[in-house]
């Protein structure tokens, strides 16, 4: 919130930045405030290779194992992070019972050696999924004949 007329230019720039990031993340139909995408705004200039390496390092235990169960765990983790660590909201988004999400998150926590009650671990995962969105966006916008 801006309280001085001289802050109008800064407020306008925040609106432009928010709109650009919202488009980038496919959030076209939502009313957004700058604070909702501020985390992404701060890290948008980190090089792709650093983002990919960091994501792979943090999520390696989930990525290393084969099979569908890992995709289910990854989707559950992503929903949990998108919903600010709220089990009930993640369960609604995934159309499963809250106990299912709780069980899956215990399994993910064990695999990643993280405690989801610790701010550092949640922040690390928020960063990972922000980076994944940036990398996916850039991959999707590349011509099909270019390989990563």
C-alpha atoms as a PDB file:
ATOM      1  CA  UNK A   1       0.000   0.000   0.000  1.00  0.00           C
ATOM      2  CA  UNK A   2       1.309   3.395  -0.926  1.00  0.00           C
ATOM      3  CA  UNK A   3       0.504   6.441   1.183  1.00  0.00           C
ATOM      4  CA  UNK A   4       2.286   9.242  -0.670  1.00  0.00           C
ATOM      5  CA  UNK A   5       1.586  10.587  -4.176  1.00  0.00           C
ATOM      6  CA  UNK A   6       5.300  10.305  -4.970  1.00  0.00           C
ATOM      7  CA  UNK A   7       4.954   6.495  -4.607  1.00  0.00           C
ATOM      8  CA  UNK A   8       2.527   6.287  -7.542  1.00  0.00           C
ATOM      9  CA  UNK A   9       5.261   5.362 -10.043  1.00  0.00           C
ATOM     10  CA  UNK A  10       6.488   2.536  -7.777  1.00  0.00           C
ATOM     11  CA  UNK A  11       2.910   1.250  -7.341  1.00  0.00           C
ATOM     12  CA  UNK A  12       2.368   1.306 -11.097  1.00  0.00           C
ATOM     13  CA  UNK A  13       5.611  -0.631 -11.688  1.00  0.00           C
ATOM     14  CA  UNK A  14       4.537  -3.237  -9.101  1.00  0.00           C
ATOM     15  CA  UNK A  15       1.260  -3.641 -10.999  1.00  0.00           C
ATOM     16  CA  UNK A  16       3.127  -4.180 -14.272  1.00  0.00           C
ATOM     17  CA  UNK A  17       5.526  -6.667 -12.661  1.00  0.00           C
ATOM     18  CA  UNK A  18       2.652  -8.540 -11.038  1.00  0.00           C
ATOM     19  CA  UNK A  19       0.767  -8.753 -14.332  1.00  0.00           C
ATOM     20  CA  UNK A  20       3.861 -10.034 -16.143  1.00  0.00           C
ATOM     21  CA  UNK A  21       4.601 -12.697 -13.505  1.00  0.00           C
ATOM     22  CA  UNK A  22       0.926 -13.708 -13.350  1.00  0.00           C
ATOM     23  CA  UNK A  23       0.899 -14.293 -17.103  1.00  0.00           C
ATOM     24  CA  UNK A  24       4.117 -16.241 -16.841  1.00  0.00           C
ATOM     25  CA  UNK A  25       2.566 -18.539 -14.223  1.00  0.00           C
ATOM     26  CA  UNK A  26      -0.744 -18.840 -16.081  1.00  0.00           C
ATOM     27  CA  UNK A  27      -2.709 -16.838 -13.495  1.00  0.00           C
ATOM     28  CA  UNK A  28      -4.689 -14.734 -15.974  1.00  0.00           C
ATOM     29  CA  UNK A  29      -8.132 -14.885 -14.382  1.00  0.00           C
ATOM     30  CA  UNK A  30      -7.212 -13.985 -10.814  1.00  0.00           C
ATOM     31  CA  UNK A  31      -7.112 -10.676  -9.028  1.00  0.00           C
ATOM     32  CA  UNK A  32      -3.612 -10.458  -7.616  1.00  0.00           C
ATOM     33  CA  UNK A  33      -1.603  -8.251  -5.347  1.00  0.00           C
ATOM     34  CA  UNK A  34       2.141  -7.759  -5.743  1.00  0.00           C
ATOM     35  CA  UNK A  35       2.750  -9.544  -2.428  1.00  0.00           C
ATOM     36  CA  UNK A  36       1.273 -12.773  -3.855  1.00  0.00           C
ATOM     37  CA  UNK A  37       4.076 -12.977  -6.430  1.00  0.00           C
ATOM     38  CA  UNK A  38       6.759 -11.046  -4.584  1.00  0.00           C
ATOM     39  CA  UNK A  39       8.751 -14.218  -3.867  1.00  0.00           C
ATOM     40  CA  UNK A  40       8.882 -15.051  -7.578  1.00  0.00           C
ATOM     41  CA  UNK A  41       9.755 -11.436  -8.389  1.00  0.00           C
ATOM     42  CA  UNK A  42      12.859 -11.540  -6.188  1.00  0.00           C
ATOM     43  CA  UNK A  43      14.262 -14.684  -7.824  1.00  0.00           C
ATOM     44  CA  UNK A  44      13.212 -14.225 -11.448  1.00  0.00           C
ATOM     45  CA  UNK A  45      16.748 -13.354 -12.592  1.00  0.00           C
ATOM     46  CA  UNK A  46      18.501 -16.444 -11.192  1.00  0.00           C
ATOM     47  CA  UNK A  47      20.094 -18.363 -14.119  1.00  0.00           C
ATOM     48  CA  UNK A  48      18.180 -21.436 -15.328  1.00  0.00           C
ATOM     49  CA  UNK A  49      21.026 -23.877 -14.701  1.00  0.00           C
ATOM     50  CA  UNK A  50      21.261 -22.793 -11.046  1.00  0.00           C
ATOM     51  CA  UNK A  51      17.487 -23.179 -10.656  1.00  0.00           C
ATOM     52  CA  UNK A  52      17.527 -26.657 -12.208  1.00  0.00           C
ATOM     53  CA  UNK A  53      20.516 -27.813 -10.158  1.00  0.00           C
ATOM     54  CA  UNK A  54      18.962 -26.575  -6.917  1.00  0.00           C
ATOM     55  CA  UNK A  55      15.619 -28.258  -7.681  1.00  0.00           C
ATOM     56  CA  UNK A  56      17.318 -31.528  -8.566  1.00  0.00           C
ATOM     57  CA  UNK A  57      19.435 -31.437  -5.411  1.00  0.00           C
ATOM     58  CA  UNK A  58      16.502 -30.808  -3.076  1.00  0.00           C
ATOM     59  CA  UNK A  59      14.017 -33.133  -4.791  1.00  0.00           C
ATOM     60  CA  UNK A  60      16.499 -35.859  -5.759  1.00  0.00           C
ATOM     61  CA  UNK A  61      15.047 -38.533  -3.443  1.00  0.00           C
ATOM     62  CA  UNK A  62      11.653 -38.065  -5.085  1.00  0.00           C
ATOM     63  CA  UNK A  63      13.060 -37.851  -8.594  1.00  0.00           C
ATOM     64  CA  UNK A  64      15.420 -40.830  -8.281  1.00  0.00           C
ATOM     65  CA  UNK A  65      12.768 -43.468  -7.637  1.00  0.00           C
ATOM     66  CA  UNK A  66      10.797 -44.834 -10.582  1.00  0.00           C
ATOM     67  CA  UNK A  67       7.078 -45.239 -10.883  1.00  0.00           C
ATOM     68  CA  UNK A  68       3.787 -43.496 -10.400  1.00  0.00           C
ATOM     69  CA  UNK A  69       3.878 -43.303  -6.571  1.00  0.00           C
ATOM     70  CA  UNK A  70       6.595 -40.661  -6.792  1.00  0.00           C
ATOM     71  CA  UNK A  71       4.471 -38.555  -9.126  1.00  0.00           C
ATOM     72  CA  UNK A  72       1.639 -38.770  -6.605  1.00  0.00           C
ATOM     73  CA  UNK A  73       4.014 -37.711  -3.827  1.00  0.00           C
ATOM     74  CA  UNK A  74       5.378 -34.860  -5.948  1.00  0.00           C
ATOM     75  CA  UNK A  75       1.848 -33.639  -6.765  1.00  0.00           C
ATOM     76  CA  UNK A  76       0.916 -33.819  -3.087  1.00  0.00           C
ATOM     77  CA  UNK A  77       4.013 -31.875  -2.074  1.00  0.00           C
ATOM     78  CA  UNK A  78       3.392 -29.233  -4.722  1.00  0.00           C
ATOM     79  CA  UNK A  79      -0.229 -28.830  -3.631  1.00  0.00           C
ATOM     80  CA  UNK A  80       0.857 -28.620   0.012  1.00  0.00           C
ATOM     81  CA  UNK A  81       3.332 -25.836  -0.810  1.00  0.00           C
ATOM     82  CA  UNK A  82       0.879 -23.980  -3.087  1.00  0.00           C
ATOM     83  CA  UNK A  83      -1.628 -23.995  -0.240  1.00  0.00           C
ATOM     84  CA  UNK A  84       0.862 -22.542   2.260  1.00  0.00           C
ATOM     85  CA  UNK A  85       1.270 -25.803   4.169  1.00  0.00           C
ATOM     86  CA  UNK A  86      -2.449 -26.218   4.863  1.00  0.00           C
ATOM     87  CA  UNK A  87      -3.333 -29.925   4.816  1.00  0.00           C
ATOM     88  CA  UNK A  88      -7.097 -29.359   4.442  1.00  0.00           C
ATOM     89  CA  UNK A  89      -6.667 -27.053   1.447  1.00  0.00           C
ATOM     90  CA  UNK A  90      -4.225 -29.435  -0.240  1.00  0.00           C
ATOM     91  CA  UNK A  91      -6.688 -32.309   0.331  1.00  0.00           C
ATOM     92  CA  UNK A  92      -9.498 -30.302  -1.280  1.00  0.00           C
ATOM     93  CA  UNK A  93      -7.319 -29.458  -4.266  1.00  0.00           C
ATOM     94  CA  UNK A  94      -6.269 -33.105  -4.689  1.00  0.00           C
ATOM     95  CA  UNK A  95      -9.765 -34.501  -3.996  1.00  0.00           C
ATOM     96  CA  UNK A  96      -8.497 -36.796  -1.244  1.00  0.00           C
ATOM     97  CA  UNK A  97      -9.058 -37.103   2.499  1.00  0.00           C
ATOM     98  CA  UNK A  98      -6.859 -34.957   4.741  1.00  0.00           C
ATOM     99  CA  UNK A  99      -5.415 -38.120   6.343  1.00  0.00           C
ATOM    100  CA  UNK A 100      -4.195 -39.215   2.901  1.00  0.00           C
ATOM    101  CA  UNK A 101      -2.329 -35.926   2.495  1.00  0.00           C
ATOM    102  CA  UNK A 102      -0.933 -36.243   6.023  1.00  0.00           C
ATOM    103  CA  UNK A 103       0.324 -39.773   5.296  1.00  0.00           C
ATOM    104  CA  UNK A 104       1.868 -38.730   1.984  1.00  0.00           C
ATOM    105  CA  UNK A 105       3.541 -35.698   3.555  1.00  0.00           C
ATOM    106  CA  UNK A 106       5.063 -37.893   6.270  1.00  0.00           C
ATOM    107  CA  UNK A 107       6.444 -40.109   3.519  1.00  0.00           C
ATOM    108  CA  UNK A 108       7.775 -37.103   1.571  1.00  0.00           C
ATOM    109  CA  UNK A 109       9.311 -35.653   4.739  1.00  0.00           C
ATOM    110  CA  UNK A 110      11.075 -38.927   5.387  1.00  0.00           C
ATOM    111  CA  UNK A 111      12.388 -39.168   1.812  1.00  0.00           C
ATOM    112  CA  UNK A 112      13.562 -35.543   1.704  1.00  0.00           C
ATOM    113  CA  UNK A 113      14.709 -35.544   5.347  1.00  0.00           C
ATOM    114  CA  UNK A 114      12.627 -32.454   6.067  1.00  0.00           C
ATOM    115  CA  UNK A 115      10.348 -31.342   8.852  1.00  0.00           C
ATOM    116  CA  UNK A 116       7.421 -29.387   7.439  1.00  0.00           C
ATOM    117  CA  UNK A 117       6.940 -27.599  10.741  1.00  0.00           C
ATOM    118  CA  UNK A 118      10.280 -25.842  10.235  1.00  0.00           C
ATOM    119  CA  UNK A 119      10.210 -22.558   8.380  1.00  0.00           C
ATOM    120  CA  UNK A 120      13.571 -23.243   6.696  1.00  0.00           C
ATOM    121  CA  UNK A 121      12.306 -26.458   5.120  1.00  0.00           C
ATOM    122  CA  UNK A 122       9.062 -24.836   3.938  1.00  0.00           C
ATOM    123  CA  UNK A 123      10.967 -21.868   2.539  1.00  0.00           C
ATOM    124  CA  UNK A 124      13.358 -24.189   0.722  1.00  0.00           C
ATOM    125  CA  UNK A 125      10.437 -26.015  -0.887  1.00  0.00           C
ATOM    126  CA  UNK A 126       8.678 -22.760  -1.779  1.00  0.00           C
ATOM    127  CA  UNK A 127      11.863 -21.723  -3.565  1.00  0.00           C
ATOM    128  CA  UNK A 128      12.126 -25.078  -5.354  1.00  0.00           C
ATOM    129  CA  UNK A 129       8.584 -24.911  -6.708  1.00  0.00           C
ATOM    130  CA  UNK A 130       9.006 -21.269  -7.722  1.00  0.00           C
ATOM    131  CA  UNK A 131      12.144 -22.245  -9.643  1.00  0.00           C
ATOM    132  CA  UNK A 132      10.344 -25.211 -11.234  1.00  0.00           C
ATOM    133  CA  UNK A 133       7.637 -22.862 -12.537  1.00  0.00           C
ATOM    134  CA  UNK A 134      10.254 -20.565 -14.069  1.00  0.00           C
ATOM    135  CA  UNK A 135      12.101 -23.477 -15.688  1.00  0.00           C
ATOM    136  CA  UNK A 136       8.853 -25.042 -16.988  1.00  0.00           C
ATOM    137  CA  UNK A 137       7.787 -21.706 -18.422  1.00  0.00           C
ATOM    138  CA  UNK A 138      11.055 -21.217 -20.261  1.00  0.00           C
ATOM    139  CA  UNK A 139      11.045 -24.827 -21.495  1.00  0.00           C
ATOM    140  CA  UNK A 140       7.486 -24.487 -22.778  1.00  0.00           C
ATOM    141  CA  UNK A 141       8.303 -21.260 -24.637  1.00  0.00           C
ATOM    142  CA  UNK A 142      11.329 -22.738 -26.465  1.00  0.00           C
ATOM    143  CA  UNK A 143      11.024 -24.074 -30.022  1.00  0.00           C
ATOM    144  CA  UNK A 144      10.382 -27.824 -30.127  1.00  0.00           C
ATOM    145  CA  UNK A 145      13.717 -28.664 -31.807  1.00  0.00           C
ATOM    146  CA  UNK A 146      15.777 -27.252 -28.919  1.00  0.00           C
ATOM    147  CA  UNK A 147      16.773 -29.770 -26.260  1.00  0.00           C
ATOM    148  CA  UNK A 148      17.613 -29.082 -22.639  1.00  0.00           C
END
